[in-house]
N, C-alpha and C. Protein backbone atom coordinates (compact mmCIF):
# COMPACT_ATOMS: atom_id res chain seq x y z
N MET A 1 0.91 -1.31 0.00
CA MET A 1 -0.01 -0.04 0.09
C MET A 1 0.86 1.27 0.06
N PHE A 2 0.29 2.46 -0.33
CA PHE A 2 1.11 3.52 -0.27
C PHE A 2 0.42 4.77 0.12
N LEU A 3 1.27 5.73 0.26
CA LEU A 3 0.74 7.20 0.70
C LEU A 3 0.62 8.16 -0.50
N ILE A 4 -0.63 8.50 -0.53
CA ILE A 4 -0.70 9.50 -1.77
C ILE A 4 -0.08 10.97 -1.35
N ASN A 5 0.46 11.63 -2.26
CA ASN A 5 1.22 12.84 -2.02
C ASN A 5 2.22 12.63 -0.79
N THR A 6 3.23 11.81 -1.10
CA THR A 6 4.19 11.45 -0.16
C THR A 6 4.99 12.60 0.24
N ASN A 7 5.20 13.79 -0.65
CA ASN A 7 6.07 14.90 -0.33
C ASN A 7 5.31 15.91 0.39
N TYR A 8 5.03 15.75 1.66
CA TYR A 8 4.11 16.58 2.42
C TYR A 8 4.74 17.41 3.40
N VAL A 9 6.17 17.81 3.22
CA VAL A 9 6.88 18.44 4.16
C VAL A 9 6.34 19.92 4.13
N ILE A 10 5.95 20.38 5.44
CA ILE A 10 5.29 21.80 5.37
C ILE A 10 6.47 22.80 5.71
N GLY A 11 6.38 23.92 4.97
CA GLY A 11 7.52 24.91 5.12
C GLY A 11 7.02 25.66 6.46
N GLN A 12 8.25 26.30 6.94
CA GLN A 12 8.29 27.19 8.26
C GLN A 12 6.99 28.19 8.12
N GLU A 13 6.90 28.88 7.06
CA GLU A 13 5.92 29.94 6.95
C GLU A 13 4.52 29.45 7.15
N LYS A 14 4.29 28.22 6.53
CA LYS A 14 2.80 27.65 6.61
C LYS A 14 2.62 27.05 8.01
N ILE A 15 3.73 26.76 8.68
CA ILE A 15 3.54 26.22 10.14
C ILE A 15 3.18 27.41 10.93
N ASP A 16 3.83 28.45 10.78
CA ASP A 16 3.38 29.67 11.56
C ASP A 16 2.10 30.26 11.52
N LYS A 17 1.53 29.95 10.38
CA LYS A 17 0.09 30.63 9.96
C LYS A 17 -0.84 29.51 10.52
N ARG A 18 -0.60 28.29 10.97
CA ARG A 18 -1.53 27.34 11.20
C ARG A 18 -1.89 27.64 12.80
N LEU A 19 -3.05 27.24 13.40
CA LEU A 19 -3.32 27.58 14.63
C LEU A 19 -3.20 26.39 15.67
N ASP A 20 -2.71 26.71 16.85
CA ASP A 20 -2.48 25.52 17.85
C ASP A 20 -3.66 25.39 18.72
N LEU A 21 -3.60 24.29 19.54
CA LEU A 21 -4.88 23.92 20.44
C LEU A 21 -4.34 24.18 21.89
N ARG A 22 -5.36 24.48 22.82
CA ARG A 22 -5.14 24.43 24.09
C ARG A 22 -5.99 23.25 24.62
N GLU A 23 -7.19 22.98 24.09
CA GLU A 23 -8.10 21.93 24.52
C GLU A 23 -8.86 21.57 23.38
N VAL A 24 -9.08 20.15 23.41
CA VAL A 24 -10.15 19.48 22.52
C VAL A 24 -11.03 18.46 23.24
N VAL A 25 -12.27 18.53 22.88
CA VAL A 25 -13.21 17.48 23.30
C VAL A 25 -13.93 16.89 22.26
N PHE A 26 -14.02 15.48 22.07
CA PHE A 26 -14.59 14.98 21.22
C PHE A 26 -15.75 13.69 21.91
N SER A 27 -16.88 13.51 21.27
CA SER A 27 -17.69 12.60 21.64
C SER A 27 -17.36 11.26 21.08
N LYS A 28 -17.71 10.21 21.79
CA LYS A 28 -17.19 8.86 21.15
C LYS A 28 -18.50 8.16 21.36
N LYS A 29 -18.83 7.36 20.29
CA LYS A 29 -20.12 6.48 20.35
C LYS A 29 -19.84 5.37 19.48
N GLY A 30 -20.09 4.20 19.75
CA GLY A 30 -20.04 2.92 18.98
C GLY A 30 -21.33 2.57 18.49
N ASN A 31 -21.24 2.17 17.17
CA ASN A 31 -22.73 1.98 16.48
C ASN A 31 -22.58 0.67 15.70
N ILE A 32 -23.72 -0.16 15.59
CA ILE A 32 -24.05 -1.34 14.99
C ILE A 32 -24.61 -0.97 13.77
N THR A 33 -23.90 -0.90 12.49
CA THR A 33 -24.64 -0.52 11.18
C THR A 33 -25.23 -1.58 10.45
N ASN A 34 -24.91 -2.75 10.93
CA ASN A 34 -25.35 -4.08 10.06
C ASN A 34 -25.26 -5.13 11.25
N LYS A 35 -26.50 -5.42 11.78
CA LYS A 35 -26.58 -6.39 12.84
C LYS A 35 -26.03 -7.87 12.53
N GLU A 36 -26.60 -8.28 11.30
CA GLU A 36 -26.24 -9.66 10.92
C GLU A 36 -24.69 -9.70 10.41
N ALA A 37 -24.08 -8.76 9.88
CA ALA A 37 -22.68 -8.83 9.54
C ALA A 37 -21.82 -8.76 10.92
N TYR A 38 -22.43 -7.77 11.90
CA TYR A 38 -21.62 -7.86 13.14
C TYR A 38 -21.62 -9.26 13.91
N ASN A 39 -22.94 -9.69 14.05
CA ASN A 39 -22.87 -11.18 14.54
C ASN A 39 -22.15 -12.07 13.93
N GLU A 40 -22.09 -12.07 12.60
CA GLU A 40 -21.05 -13.11 12.00
C GLU A 40 -19.67 -12.96 12.27
N SER A 41 -19.27 -11.64 12.40
CA SER A 41 -18.02 -11.27 12.79
C SER A 41 -17.41 -11.64 14.40
N ILE A 42 -18.61 -11.69 15.17
CA ILE A 42 -18.32 -12.07 16.48
C ILE A 42 -18.16 -13.75 16.60
N ILE A 43 -18.90 -14.50 15.73
CA ILE A 43 -18.62 -15.83 15.57
C ILE A 43 -17.20 -16.10 15.16
N THR A 44 -16.96 -15.37 14.07
CA THR A 44 -15.51 -15.58 13.40
C THR A 44 -14.46 -15.44 14.39
N TYR A 45 -14.68 -14.29 15.18
CA TYR A 45 -13.78 -13.84 16.12
C TYR A 45 -13.49 -14.96 17.21
N LYS A 46 -14.63 -15.40 17.58
CA LYS A 46 -14.73 -16.37 18.78
C LYS A 46 -13.85 -17.71 18.40
N HIS A 47 -14.17 -18.08 17.01
CA HIS A 47 -13.53 -19.27 16.42
C HIS A 47 -12.05 -19.22 16.28
N LEU A 48 -11.66 -17.85 16.03
CA LEU A 48 -10.32 -17.76 15.78
C LEU A 48 -9.50 -17.88 17.21
N PHE A 49 -10.08 -17.40 18.02
CA PHE A 49 -9.55 -17.65 19.56
C PHE A 49 -9.52 -19.07 19.90
N GLU A 50 -10.55 -19.73 19.51
CA GLU A 50 -10.63 -21.08 19.89
C GLU A 50 -9.64 -21.89 19.12
N LYS A 51 -9.38 -21.65 17.83
CA LYS A 51 -8.33 -22.39 17.29
C LYS A 51 -6.97 -21.93 17.76
N ALA A 52 -6.79 -20.72 18.05
CA ALA A 52 -5.41 -20.35 18.76
C ALA A 52 -5.24 -20.96 19.98
N LEU A 53 -6.22 -21.17 21.00
CA LEU A 53 -6.03 -21.96 22.08
C LEU A 53 -5.72 -23.38 21.99
N ARG A 54 -6.49 -24.07 20.84
CA ARG A 54 -6.12 -25.39 20.78
C ARG A 54 -4.88 -25.68 19.96
N GLU A 55 -4.35 -24.55 19.24
CA GLU A 55 -3.03 -24.71 18.74
C GLU A 55 -1.97 -24.53 19.81
N TYR A 56 -2.14 -23.67 20.71
CA TYR A 56 -1.20 -23.48 21.74
C TYR A 56 -1.14 -24.67 22.67
N ALA A 57 -2.28 -25.41 22.86
CA ALA A 57 -2.34 -26.67 23.77
C ALA A 57 -1.59 -27.82 23.02
N LYS A 58 -1.56 -27.89 21.83
CA LYS A 58 -0.93 -29.03 21.28
C LYS A 58 0.50 -28.90 21.33
N LYS A 59 1.10 -27.70 21.52
CA LYS A 59 2.54 -27.52 21.48
C LYS A 59 3.01 -27.84 23.01
N ASP A 60 1.98 -27.97 23.97
CA ASP A 60 2.37 -28.08 25.21
C ASP A 60 2.62 -29.65 25.65
N SER A 61 3.81 -30.12 25.86
CA SER A 61 3.93 -31.65 25.92
C SER A 61 3.58 -32.07 27.21
N LEU A 62 3.20 -31.33 28.23
CA LEU A 62 2.71 -31.63 29.42
C LEU A 62 1.24 -31.62 29.52
N PHE A 63 0.36 -31.60 28.17
CA PHE A 63 -0.89 -31.08 28.24
C PHE A 63 -1.72 -32.63 28.65
N SER A 64 -2.54 -32.81 29.71
CA SER A 64 -3.37 -33.74 30.10
C SER A 64 -4.73 -33.77 29.82
N ASP A 65 -5.37 -34.89 30.13
CA ASP A 65 -6.79 -35.05 30.04
C ASP A 65 -7.62 -33.97 30.87
N GLU A 66 -6.98 -33.79 32.03
CA GLU A 66 -7.65 -32.91 32.90
C GLU A 66 -7.46 -31.31 32.50
N MET A 67 -6.31 -31.28 31.98
CA MET A 67 -6.14 -29.91 31.23
C MET A 67 -6.97 -29.60 30.09
N SER A 68 -7.27 -30.75 29.40
CA SER A 68 -7.94 -30.60 28.11
C SER A 68 -9.48 -30.10 28.50
N MET A 69 -9.97 -30.70 29.64
CA MET A 69 -11.39 -30.19 30.22
C MET A 69 -11.29 -28.71 30.63
N ASN A 70 -10.14 -28.40 31.36
CA ASN A 70 -10.04 -27.10 31.53
C ASN A 70 -10.00 -26.07 30.34
N LEU A 71 -9.30 -26.66 29.28
CA LEU A 71 -9.29 -25.82 28.03
C LEU A 71 -10.67 -25.73 27.54
N GLU A 72 -11.82 -26.63 27.50
CA GLU A 72 -12.98 -26.26 26.85
C GLU A 72 -13.56 -25.37 27.71
N MET A 73 -13.50 -25.35 29.19
CA MET A 73 -14.05 -24.18 29.99
C MET A 73 -13.56 -22.93 29.53
N LYS A 74 -12.14 -22.86 29.46
CA LYS A 74 -11.53 -21.66 28.99
C LYS A 74 -12.08 -21.09 27.80
N ILE A 75 -12.26 -21.91 26.72
CA ILE A 75 -12.59 -21.62 25.37
C ILE A 75 -13.96 -20.81 25.52
N GLN A 76 -15.01 -21.52 26.27
CA GLN A 76 -16.32 -21.00 26.70
C GLN A 76 -16.25 -19.62 27.37
N ALA A 77 -15.31 -19.47 28.28
CA ALA A 77 -15.10 -18.31 29.03
C ALA A 77 -14.49 -17.13 28.17
N ILE A 78 -13.51 -17.42 27.49
CA ILE A 78 -13.04 -16.45 26.46
C ILE A 78 -14.02 -16.00 25.48
N GLY A 79 -14.68 -16.95 24.94
CA GLY A 79 -15.90 -16.56 23.98
C GLY A 79 -16.90 -15.41 24.61
N PHE A 80 -17.16 -15.72 25.97
CA PHE A 80 -18.00 -14.72 26.47
C PHE A 80 -17.31 -13.40 26.85
N ALA A 81 -16.15 -13.56 27.26
CA ALA A 81 -15.39 -12.43 27.52
C ALA A 81 -15.10 -11.40 26.34
N ILE A 82 -14.77 -12.11 25.15
CA ILE A 82 -14.61 -11.41 23.74
C ILE A 82 -15.90 -10.61 23.47
N GLU A 83 -17.07 -11.09 23.60
CA GLU A 83 -18.16 -10.42 23.14
C GLU A 83 -18.82 -9.59 24.32
N GLU A 84 -18.79 -9.70 25.68
CA GLU A 84 -19.39 -9.00 26.66
C GLU A 84 -18.45 -8.20 27.17
N MET A 85 -17.00 -8.36 27.15
CA MET A 85 -16.14 -7.44 27.98
C MET A 85 -15.40 -6.69 26.94
N GLN A 86 -15.21 -7.15 25.61
CA GLN A 86 -14.26 -6.38 24.63
C GLN A 86 -15.32 -5.64 23.67
N LEU A 87 -16.16 -6.59 22.93
CA LEU A 87 -16.82 -5.95 21.81
C LEU A 87 -17.95 -5.12 22.21
N THR A 88 -18.84 -5.62 23.03
CA THR A 88 -20.15 -5.08 23.39
C THR A 88 -19.79 -3.54 23.94
N PRO A 89 -18.68 -3.46 24.97
CA PRO A 89 -18.52 -2.04 25.40
C PRO A 89 -17.94 -1.14 24.30
N LYS A 90 -17.20 -1.70 23.24
CA LYS A 90 -16.70 -0.92 22.35
C LYS A 90 -17.73 -0.41 21.30
N TYR A 91 -18.74 -1.43 21.06
CA TYR A 91 -19.70 -0.79 19.75
C TYR A 91 -21.09 -0.58 20.34
N LYS A 92 -21.45 -1.00 21.45
CA LYS A 92 -22.59 -0.90 22.00
C LYS A 92 -22.82 0.11 23.27
N SER A 93 -21.74 0.58 23.62
CA SER A 93 -21.70 1.50 24.90
C SER A 93 -22.55 2.80 24.41
N SER A 94 -22.74 3.58 25.62
CA SER A 94 -23.45 4.84 25.43
C SER A 94 -22.38 5.94 25.15
N LYS A 95 -22.80 7.00 24.62
CA LYS A 95 -21.87 8.01 24.26
C LYS A 95 -21.07 8.64 25.34
N SER A 96 -19.93 8.79 25.15
CA SER A 96 -18.79 9.26 26.03
C SER A 96 -18.15 10.34 25.43
N GLU A 97 -17.32 11.12 26.43
CA GLU A 97 -16.61 12.35 26.00
C GLU A 97 -14.96 11.80 26.17
N ILE A 98 -14.20 12.46 25.24
CA ILE A 98 -12.76 12.47 25.28
C ILE A 98 -12.40 13.85 25.49
N THR A 99 -11.76 14.26 26.45
CA THR A 99 -11.25 15.60 26.78
C THR A 99 -9.80 15.50 26.72
N TYR A 100 -9.04 16.37 26.07
CA TYR A 100 -7.60 16.33 26.40
C TYR A 100 -7.17 17.82 26.41
N LEU A 101 -6.45 18.15 27.59
CA LEU A 101 -5.80 19.40 27.76
C LEU A 101 -4.52 19.34 27.26
N PHE A 102 -4.08 20.19 26.34
CA PHE A 102 -2.48 20.12 25.72
C PHE A 102 -1.48 20.93 26.88
N GLN A 103 -0.49 20.02 27.14
CA GLN A 103 0.64 20.48 27.81
C GLN A 103 1.84 19.97 27.20
N ASP A 104 2.70 20.96 27.11
CA ASP A 104 3.85 20.92 26.43
C ASP A 104 4.92 19.83 27.13
N SER A 105 4.80 19.54 28.47
CA SER A 105 5.59 18.72 29.40
C SER A 105 5.13 17.21 29.08
N LEU A 106 4.04 16.84 28.41
CA LEU A 106 3.69 15.54 28.48
C LEU A 106 4.12 15.01 27.25
N PRO A 107 4.93 13.74 27.22
CA PRO A 107 5.43 12.97 26.14
C PRO A 107 4.42 12.45 25.23
N ILE A 108 4.73 12.42 23.93
CA ILE A 108 3.82 11.85 22.92
C ILE A 108 4.33 10.61 22.31
N VAL A 109 3.36 9.50 22.36
CA VAL A 109 3.95 8.26 21.83
C VAL A 109 3.11 7.99 20.60
N TYR A 110 3.79 7.85 19.41
CA TYR A 110 3.11 7.72 18.20
C TYR A 110 3.10 6.18 17.78
N LYS A 111 1.94 5.94 17.01
CA LYS A 111 1.95 4.49 16.27
C LYS A 111 2.76 4.66 15.11
N ILE A 112 3.37 3.61 14.63
CA ILE A 112 4.21 3.35 13.56
C ILE A 112 3.70 2.56 12.53
N SER A 113 3.75 2.69 11.36
CA SER A 113 3.22 1.59 10.27
C SER A 113 3.82 2.16 8.82
N ARG A 114 4.28 1.09 8.13
CA ARG A 114 4.81 1.39 6.67
C ARG A 114 3.71 0.96 5.79
N ASP A 115 2.51 0.18 6.34
CA ASP A 115 1.58 -0.27 5.44
C ASP A 115 0.32 0.48 5.61
N PHE A 116 0.10 1.53 4.83
CA PHE A 116 -1.24 2.35 4.91
C PHE A 116 -1.30 2.98 3.64
N SER A 117 -2.49 3.64 3.63
CA SER A 117 -2.97 4.61 2.40
C SER A 117 -3.69 5.62 2.81
N ILE A 118 -3.45 6.77 2.13
CA ILE A 118 -4.37 8.15 2.51
C ILE A 118 -4.83 8.45 1.11
N THR A 119 -6.14 8.63 1.25
CA THR A 119 -6.87 9.21 0.13
C THR A 119 -7.61 10.50 0.40
N GLU A 120 -7.28 11.56 -0.38
CA GLU A 120 -7.80 12.82 -0.12
C GLU A 120 -9.00 13.18 -1.09
N LEU A 121 -10.16 13.45 -0.59
CA LEU A 121 -11.27 13.88 -1.30
C LEU A 121 -11.59 15.26 -1.07
N LYS A 122 -11.05 16.23 -1.60
CA LYS A 122 -10.91 17.64 -1.22
C LYS A 122 -12.33 18.36 -1.84
N LYS A 123 -12.99 17.68 -2.58
CA LYS A 123 -14.31 18.02 -3.02
C LYS A 123 -15.54 17.88 -2.00
N ASP A 124 -15.22 16.95 -1.30
CA ASP A 124 -16.16 16.50 -0.23
C ASP A 124 -15.68 17.28 1.15
N THR A 125 -16.67 18.41 1.24
CA THR A 125 -16.34 19.37 2.38
C THR A 125 -17.33 19.60 3.30
N LYS A 126 -17.17 19.86 4.53
CA LYS A 126 -18.14 20.31 5.45
C LYS A 126 -17.47 21.41 6.44
N THR A 127 -18.25 22.27 7.21
CA THR A 127 -17.65 23.13 8.16
C THR A 127 -18.18 22.60 9.57
N ILE A 128 -16.86 22.55 10.43
CA ILE A 128 -17.06 21.97 11.67
C ILE A 128 -16.44 23.02 12.68
N GLU A 129 -17.19 23.57 13.46
CA GLU A 129 -16.73 24.53 14.48
C GLU A 129 -16.11 25.82 13.75
N GLY A 130 -16.53 26.19 12.64
CA GLY A 130 -16.03 27.08 11.72
C GLY A 130 -14.93 27.05 10.87
N PHE A 131 -14.34 25.66 10.98
CA PHE A 131 -13.27 25.32 10.02
C PHE A 131 -13.82 24.55 8.96
N LYS A 132 -13.38 24.99 7.66
CA LYS A 132 -13.71 24.30 6.60
C LYS A 132 -12.89 22.96 6.40
N CYS A 133 -13.52 21.70 6.30
CA CYS A 133 -12.73 20.57 6.42
C CYS A 133 -13.00 19.96 5.16
N PHE A 134 -12.15 19.06 4.71
CA PHE A 134 -12.42 18.11 3.57
C PHE A 134 -12.20 16.72 3.87
N LYS A 135 -12.61 15.73 3.25
CA LYS A 135 -12.72 14.17 3.65
C LYS A 135 -11.42 13.51 3.24
N VAL A 136 -10.89 12.82 4.13
CA VAL A 136 -9.65 12.03 4.09
C VAL A 136 -9.97 10.48 4.40
N ILE A 137 -9.72 9.51 3.78
CA ILE A 137 -9.80 8.11 4.24
C ILE A 137 -8.56 7.52 4.32
N PHE A 138 -8.33 7.25 5.59
CA PHE A 138 -6.81 6.71 5.99
C PHE A 138 -6.95 5.32 6.61
N SER A 139 -6.25 4.36 5.84
CA SER A 139 -6.47 2.93 6.14
C SER A 139 -4.95 2.45 6.70
N VAL A 140 -4.80 1.65 7.73
CA VAL A 140 -3.48 1.34 8.25
C VAL A 140 -3.68 0.04 8.87
N LYS A 141 -2.53 -0.80 8.65
CA LYS A 141 -2.35 -1.94 9.52
C LYS A 141 -1.45 -1.64 10.65
N GLU A 142 -2.25 -1.51 11.95
CA GLU A 142 -1.58 -0.92 13.08
C GLU A 142 -0.43 -1.61 13.50
N GLN A 143 -0.28 -2.84 13.27
CA GLN A 143 0.96 -3.54 13.89
C GLN A 143 2.04 -3.82 13.02
N SER A 144 1.87 -3.21 11.79
CA SER A 144 2.91 -3.66 10.81
C SER A 144 4.34 -3.50 11.16
N ASP A 145 4.47 -2.43 11.89
CA ASP A 145 6.03 -2.18 12.16
C ASP A 145 6.25 -2.45 13.71
N ASN A 146 5.33 -3.22 14.35
CA ASN A 146 5.50 -3.42 15.81
C ASN A 146 5.42 -5.06 15.93
N SER A 147 5.65 -5.65 14.81
CA SER A 147 5.46 -7.18 14.93
C SER A 147 6.56 -7.80 15.99
N ASN A 148 7.44 -7.25 16.19
CA ASN A 148 8.65 -7.70 17.06
C ASN A 148 8.12 -7.64 18.60
N GLU A 149 7.19 -6.70 18.85
CA GLU A 149 6.61 -6.58 20.07
C GLU A 149 5.31 -7.69 20.36
N ILE A 150 5.07 -8.48 19.33
CA ILE A 150 4.04 -9.42 19.52
C ILE A 150 4.80 -10.72 20.25
N SER A 151 4.18 -11.37 21.21
CA SER A 151 4.95 -12.52 21.88
C SER A 151 5.07 -13.62 20.84
N GLN A 152 6.48 -14.10 21.01
CA GLN A 152 6.80 -15.40 20.14
C GLN A 152 6.16 -16.48 20.47
N ASP A 153 5.47 -16.43 21.81
CA ASP A 153 4.78 -17.65 22.08
C ASP A 153 3.29 -17.55 21.73
N MET A 154 2.85 -16.69 21.19
CA MET A 154 1.54 -16.52 20.59
C MET A 154 1.10 -17.32 19.57
N PRO A 155 0.15 -18.15 19.58
CA PRO A 155 -0.26 -19.10 18.43
C PRO A 155 -0.26 -18.43 16.97
N THR A 156 0.18 -18.96 16.07
CA THR A 156 0.55 -18.46 14.78
C THR A 156 -0.80 -17.91 14.12
N ILE A 157 -1.93 -18.63 14.35
CA ILE A 157 -3.26 -18.16 13.63
C ILE A 157 -3.56 -16.81 14.41
N LEU A 158 -3.31 -16.56 15.62
CA LEU A 158 -3.58 -15.53 16.37
C LEU A 158 -2.71 -14.31 15.81
N LYS A 159 -1.50 -14.55 15.81
CA LYS A 159 -0.44 -13.67 15.35
C LYS A 159 -0.65 -13.08 13.99
N GLU A 160 -1.10 -13.98 13.18
CA GLU A 160 -1.29 -13.66 11.63
C GLU A 160 -2.61 -12.69 11.70
N ALA A 161 -3.56 -12.96 12.53
CA ALA A 161 -4.89 -12.06 12.53
C ALA A 161 -4.57 -10.71 12.91
N ILE A 162 -3.66 -10.73 14.06
CA ILE A 162 -3.35 -9.34 14.51
C ILE A 162 -2.61 -8.49 13.60
N LEU A 163 -1.66 -9.21 12.91
CA LEU A 163 -0.87 -8.55 11.87
C LEU A 163 -1.57 -8.17 10.60
N ASN A 164 -2.63 -8.87 10.23
CA ASN A 164 -3.38 -8.45 9.16
C ASN A 164 -4.62 -7.41 9.44
N THR A 165 -4.96 -7.17 10.61
CA THR A 165 -6.09 -6.43 11.04
C THR A 165 -5.78 -4.95 10.33
N GLU A 166 -6.69 -4.37 9.51
CA GLU A 166 -6.56 -3.26 9.16
C GLU A 166 -7.71 -2.23 9.59
N THR A 167 -7.44 -1.09 10.23
CA THR A 167 -8.28 -0.01 10.75
C THR A 167 -8.42 1.06 9.70
N GLU A 168 -9.69 1.32 9.34
CA GLU A 168 -10.00 2.61 8.33
C GLU A 168 -10.49 3.67 9.17
N TYR A 169 -9.93 4.61 8.90
CA TYR A 169 -10.42 6.07 9.61
C TYR A 169 -11.06 6.95 8.36
N ILE A 170 -12.26 7.37 8.60
CA ILE A 170 -12.91 8.05 7.41
C ILE A 170 -12.96 9.30 8.26
N MET A 171 -12.31 10.49 7.82
CA MET A 171 -12.15 11.53 8.45
C MET A 171 -12.47 12.75 7.71
N TYR A 172 -12.93 13.97 8.48
CA TYR A 172 -13.03 15.42 7.81
C TYR A 172 -11.73 16.29 8.60
N VAL A 173 -11.08 16.56 8.00
CA VAL A 173 -9.77 17.33 8.40
C VAL A 173 -9.59 18.76 8.12
N THR A 174 -8.67 19.60 8.72
CA THR A 174 -8.51 20.86 8.54
C THR A 174 -6.90 21.00 8.40
N ASP A 175 -6.45 21.74 7.58
CA ASP A 175 -5.05 22.12 7.46
C ASP A 175 -4.83 23.35 8.02
N LYS A 176 -5.65 23.93 8.83
CA LYS A 176 -5.58 25.30 9.60
C LYS A 176 -5.00 25.07 11.03
N ILE A 177 -5.12 23.85 11.57
CA ILE A 177 -4.70 23.57 12.69
C ILE A 177 -3.45 22.87 12.85
N LYS A 178 -2.52 23.23 13.63
CA LYS A 178 -1.28 22.52 13.90
C LYS A 178 -1.22 21.88 15.24
N ASN A 179 -1.12 20.67 15.40
CA ASN A 179 -0.80 20.14 16.70
C ASN A 179 -0.19 18.71 16.56
N CYS A 180 0.76 18.42 17.44
CA CYS A 180 1.36 17.11 17.16
C CYS A 180 0.79 16.02 17.90
N TYR A 181 -0.42 16.32 18.54
CA TYR A 181 -1.16 15.38 19.32
C TYR A 181 -2.73 15.21 18.86
N HIS A 182 -3.12 14.16 18.76
CA HIS A 182 -4.58 13.97 18.74
C HIS A 182 -4.92 12.88 19.55
N PRO A 183 -6.27 12.85 20.07
CA PRO A 183 -6.58 11.74 21.15
C PRO A 183 -7.21 10.36 20.40
N VAL A 184 -7.28 10.50 19.14
CA VAL A 184 -7.68 9.39 18.35
C VAL A 184 -6.69 8.95 17.37
N ILE A 185 -6.02 9.85 16.34
CA ILE A 185 -5.18 9.39 15.42
C ILE A 185 -3.77 9.76 15.96
N LYS A 186 -3.18 8.63 16.24
CA LYS A 186 -1.73 8.69 16.79
C LYS A 186 -0.45 8.55 15.81
N TYR A 187 -0.77 8.88 14.44
CA TYR A 187 0.11 8.83 13.47
C TYR A 187 0.69 10.24 13.03
N LYS A 188 2.00 10.42 13.54
CA LYS A 188 2.73 11.83 13.36
C LYS A 188 2.55 12.26 11.78
N PHE A 189 2.84 11.21 10.67
CA PHE A 189 2.64 11.65 9.43
C PHE A 189 1.38 12.08 8.90
N VAL A 190 0.25 11.87 9.67
CA VAL A 190 -0.94 12.35 9.38
C VAL A 190 -1.12 13.74 10.05
N LEU A 191 -0.85 13.76 11.14
CA LEU A 191 -0.90 15.16 11.94
C LEU A 191 0.04 16.12 11.32
N ASP A 192 1.13 15.73 10.64
CA ASP A 192 1.90 16.88 10.07
C ASP A 192 1.25 17.50 8.97
N LYS A 193 0.33 16.65 8.39
CA LYS A 193 -0.64 17.28 7.29
C LYS A 193 -1.73 18.03 7.65
N TYR A 194 -2.56 17.48 8.57
CA TYR A 194 -3.79 18.14 8.89
C TYR A 194 -4.22 17.53 10.00
N TYR A 195 -5.35 18.16 10.64
CA TYR A 195 -5.96 17.76 12.02
C TYR A 195 -7.50 17.32 11.77
N PRO A 196 -7.59 15.97 12.11
CA PRO A 196 -8.99 15.53 12.04
C PRO A 196 -10.06 16.12 13.09
N LEU A 197 -11.09 16.42 12.63
CA LEU A 197 -12.18 17.02 13.41
C LEU A 197 -13.42 16.20 13.67
N GLU A 198 -13.37 15.40 12.69
CA GLU A 198 -14.45 14.23 12.76
C GLU A 198 -14.09 12.89 12.11
N ILE A 199 -14.31 11.86 13.04
CA ILE A 199 -13.88 10.51 12.39
C ILE A 199 -14.72 9.36 12.50
N ILE A 200 -14.76 8.60 11.67
CA ILE A 200 -15.59 7.27 11.69
C ILE A 200 -14.44 6.17 11.61
N GLU A 201 -14.29 5.37 12.72
CA GLU A 201 -13.34 4.40 12.77
C GLU A 201 -13.94 2.87 12.48
N LYS A 202 -13.40 2.02 11.65
CA LYS A 202 -13.82 0.99 11.33
C LYS A 202 -12.90 -0.32 11.40
N ASP A 203 -12.96 -1.32 12.06
CA ASP A 203 -11.93 -2.38 12.17
C ASP A 203 -12.31 -3.60 11.28
N SER A 204 -11.33 -3.77 10.36
CA SER A 204 -11.62 -4.82 9.26
C SER A 204 -12.06 -6.25 9.76
N SER A 205 -11.63 -6.68 10.95
CA SER A 205 -12.07 -8.00 11.69
C SER A 205 -13.50 -7.93 12.15
N ILE A 206 -14.13 -6.62 12.41
CA ILE A 206 -15.43 -6.69 13.07
C ILE A 206 -16.20 -5.74 11.89
N LYS A 207 -17.05 -6.57 11.17
CA LYS A 207 -17.87 -6.03 9.94
C LYS A 207 -19.10 -5.47 10.88
N GLY A 208 -19.63 -4.50 10.07
CA GLY A 208 -21.01 -3.95 10.49
C GLY A 208 -21.05 -3.15 11.74
N ALA A 209 -19.86 -2.69 12.18
CA ALA A 209 -19.73 -1.75 13.30
C ALA A 209 -18.89 -0.77 13.00
N GLN A 210 -18.93 0.43 13.94
CA GLN A 210 -18.01 1.35 13.69
C GLN A 210 -17.97 2.31 14.81
N ILE A 211 -16.95 3.25 15.13
CA ILE A 211 -16.99 4.21 16.26
C ILE A 211 -17.04 5.36 15.66
N ASN A 212 -17.83 6.18 16.24
CA ASN A 212 -17.84 7.54 15.69
C ASN A 212 -17.49 8.63 16.66
N TYR A 213 -16.42 9.51 16.34
CA TYR A 213 -15.87 10.63 17.07
C TYR A 213 -16.38 11.98 16.53
N ASN A 214 -17.01 12.76 17.19
CA ASN A 214 -17.58 14.00 16.73
C ASN A 214 -17.03 15.11 17.61
N LEU A 215 -16.48 16.22 17.25
CA LEU A 215 -15.96 17.35 17.94
C LEU A 215 -17.17 18.01 18.65
N ILE A 216 -16.87 18.21 19.88
CA ILE A 216 -17.89 18.99 20.75
C ILE A 216 -17.38 20.21 21.00
N ARG A 217 -16.10 20.55 21.28
CA ARG A 217 -15.48 21.85 21.57
C ARG A 217 -13.95 21.79 21.42
N LEU A 218 -13.51 22.80 20.83
CA LEU A 218 -12.02 23.15 20.81
C LEU A 218 -11.71 24.53 21.23
N GLU A 219 -10.56 24.62 21.97
CA GLU A 219 -10.17 26.02 22.42
C GLU A 219 -8.71 26.34 21.75
N LEU A 220 -8.42 27.28 21.07
CA LEU A 220 -7.12 27.61 20.59
C LEU A 220 -6.34 28.46 21.49
N LYS A 221 -5.14 28.22 21.25
CA LYS A 221 -4.19 29.04 22.21
C LYS A 221 -4.07 30.56 21.66
């Protein structure tokens, strides 16, 4: 995959003309857009973890019949945990707020990826809090440069699934705001170009669901 308009270095004059932030507040709300596709994704997700656990168990030379019975119980428990503790809160929770106060002393940790694409749709515009924004679709495999951080003991099927998961961010952005931190978008090469004020986040492993981030308030320095 590739980055469109890779020559995106911003000159000093343009940086000085962009506005910086003191505070930003987003609302966050998960949405099920296709219940059938979402339910099918949950089933697939559970089967993936079940296969991963069985693969891990086969590698254990001390695996006994008693442990096999415990494994079945663990598989059921993990299936429940995936749906009720991980996916349900993410996509079915009530609306919440993300508030960030910008402080120069706080360190910023960026995500890294070489496997991404950015598509700019500058004719698709909307005004958000007085800023004229245009549409950008940013797709990224979030683990592609961090594979060495994944445990070597992790079952192959699970490791491959993590490495192949793609996140799509459908954003409306402005190039009038300059800030190196965003509470949702953690990629410096994106923030060097523009600042997202509205985002829809989709995970390739969970169909029929998305997370919406909408700007509630921002305060300029």
